[in-house]
């Protein structure tokens, strides 16, 4: 269960959340877009009774990919010479 500020308490209680967990789901869980480098959610497991508050974050390599500045990428791509592979009988759209 991720942060659900607009979901009413009755709907959340149908998932088995108690009052404290409903408050956490509506107000305290951290969404991924919050800029804190992680998300938090409530996880339910068959092995353990109830919901567990869990912190989710990307591994360092994925974090670097997701936060790679687009300017650097464009700068690096400008330096590369990209060849178009031409196939016989195939022309780019709009060109004879």
Protein backbone atom coordinates (compact mmCIF):
# COMPACT_ATOMS: atom_id res chain seq x y z
CA UNK A 1 0.00 0.00 0.00
CA UNK A 2 1.53 3.29 -1.09
CA UNK A 3 0.62 6.78 0.06
CA UNK A 4 -3.11 7.25 -0.51
CA UNK A 5 -4.15 10.69 0.74
CA UNK A 6 -7.44 10.77 -1.20
CA UNK A 7 -8.59 7.25 -0.30
CA UNK A 8 -11.18 7.20 2.46
CA UNK A 9 -10.66 5.24 5.66
CA UNK A 10 -13.47 2.76 4.92
CA UNK A 11 -11.80 1.66 1.67
CA UNK A 12 -8.42 1.28 3.39
CA UNK A 13 -9.92 -0.71 6.26
CA UNK A 14 -11.22 -3.25 3.70
CA UNK A 15 -7.56 -4.16 3.10
CA UNK A 16 -7.19 -4.96 6.81
CA UNK A 17 -5.48 -1.75 7.96
CA UNK A 18 -6.14 -0.56 11.49
CA UNK A 19 -6.68 3.13 12.39
CA UNK A 20 -2.97 3.82 12.93
CA UNK A 21 -2.02 2.21 9.61
CA UNK A 22 -4.78 4.12 7.79
CA UNK A 23 -3.32 7.38 9.12
CA UNK A 24 0.14 6.31 7.96
CA UNK A 25 -1.17 5.41 4.48
CA UNK A 26 -3.06 8.70 4.14
CA UNK A 27 -0.45 11.09 5.53
CA UNK A 28 2.97 9.72 6.44
CA UNK A 29 4.21 7.41 3.68
CA UNK A 30 6.84 8.99 1.41
CA UNK A 31 6.08 8.92 -2.33
CA UNK A 32 8.94 8.31 -4.75
CA UNK A 33 8.52 11.74 -6.32
CA UNK A 34 9.17 13.48 -2.98
CA UNK A 35 12.87 13.81 -3.82
CA UNK A 36 14.10 12.04 -0.70
CA UNK A 37 15.83 9.19 -2.54
CA UNK A 38 13.40 6.56 -1.33
CA UNK A 39 9.72 5.61 -1.04
CA UNK A 40 7.93 4.05 1.87
CA UNK A 41 4.98 1.70 1.68
CA UNK A 42 3.03 -0.79 3.74
CA UNK A 43 3.61 -4.42 2.77
CA UNK A 44 1.44 -7.39 3.70
CA UNK A 45 2.91 -10.88 3.83
CA UNK A 46 1.38 -14.28 4.36
CA UNK A 47 4.30 -15.18 6.64
CA UNK A 48 3.64 -12.35 9.08
CA UNK A 49 0.40 -10.99 10.42
CA UNK A 50 -0.45 -7.36 9.67
CA UNK A 51 1.24 -4.71 7.56
CA UNK A 52 4.94 -3.81 7.66
CA UNK A 53 6.19 -0.30 6.88
CA UNK A 54 8.96 -0.72 4.30
CA UNK A 55 11.51 1.64 2.78
CA UNK A 56 12.19 1.14 -0.94
CA UNK A 57 15.18 2.67 -2.70
CA UNK A 58 16.98 2.10 -5.98
CA UNK A 59 20.39 0.40 -5.94
CA UNK A 60 23.29 2.83 -6.59
CA UNK A 61 23.71 1.86 -10.27
CA UNK A 62 20.01 2.36 -11.05
CA UNK A 63 19.99 5.61 -9.08
CA UNK A 64 22.83 6.93 -11.29
CA UNK A 65 20.90 6.02 -14.43
CA UNK A 66 17.68 7.62 -13.20
CA UNK A 67 19.38 10.82 -12.08
CA UNK A 68 21.85 11.14 -14.98
CA UNK A 69 21.72 14.76 -16.14
CA UNK A 70 20.29 15.01 -19.68
CA UNK A 71 22.84 17.69 -20.62
CA UNK A 72 25.68 15.25 -20.10
CA UNK A 73 23.95 12.68 -22.24
CA UNK A 74 23.38 15.18 -25.06
CA UNK A 75 26.99 16.37 -24.83
CA UNK A 76 28.30 12.82 -25.07
CA UNK A 77 25.98 11.95 -27.94
CA UNK A 78 27.09 15.03 -29.89
CA UNK A 79 30.62 13.67 -29.88
CA UNK A 80 29.58 10.35 -31.38
CA UNK A 81 29.18 9.83 -35.09
CA UNK A 82 26.03 7.88 -35.65
CA UNK A 83 25.73 6.05 -38.97
CA UNK A 84 22.44 5.30 -40.54
CA UNK A 85 22.17 1.77 -41.71
CA UNK A 86 20.62 1.79 -45.12
CA UNK A 87 18.80 -1.22 -46.41
CA UNK A 88 18.26 -1.70 -50.13
CA UNK A 89 14.84 -0.49 -51.22
CA UNK A 90 14.03 1.22 -47.89
CA UNK A 91 13.97 5.02 -47.77
CA UNK A 92 13.28 7.35 -44.84
CA UNK A 93 9.73 8.72 -44.71
CA UNK A 94 9.04 11.75 -46.85
CA UNK A 95 12.21 11.28 -48.89
CA UNK A 96 12.37 9.78 -52.40
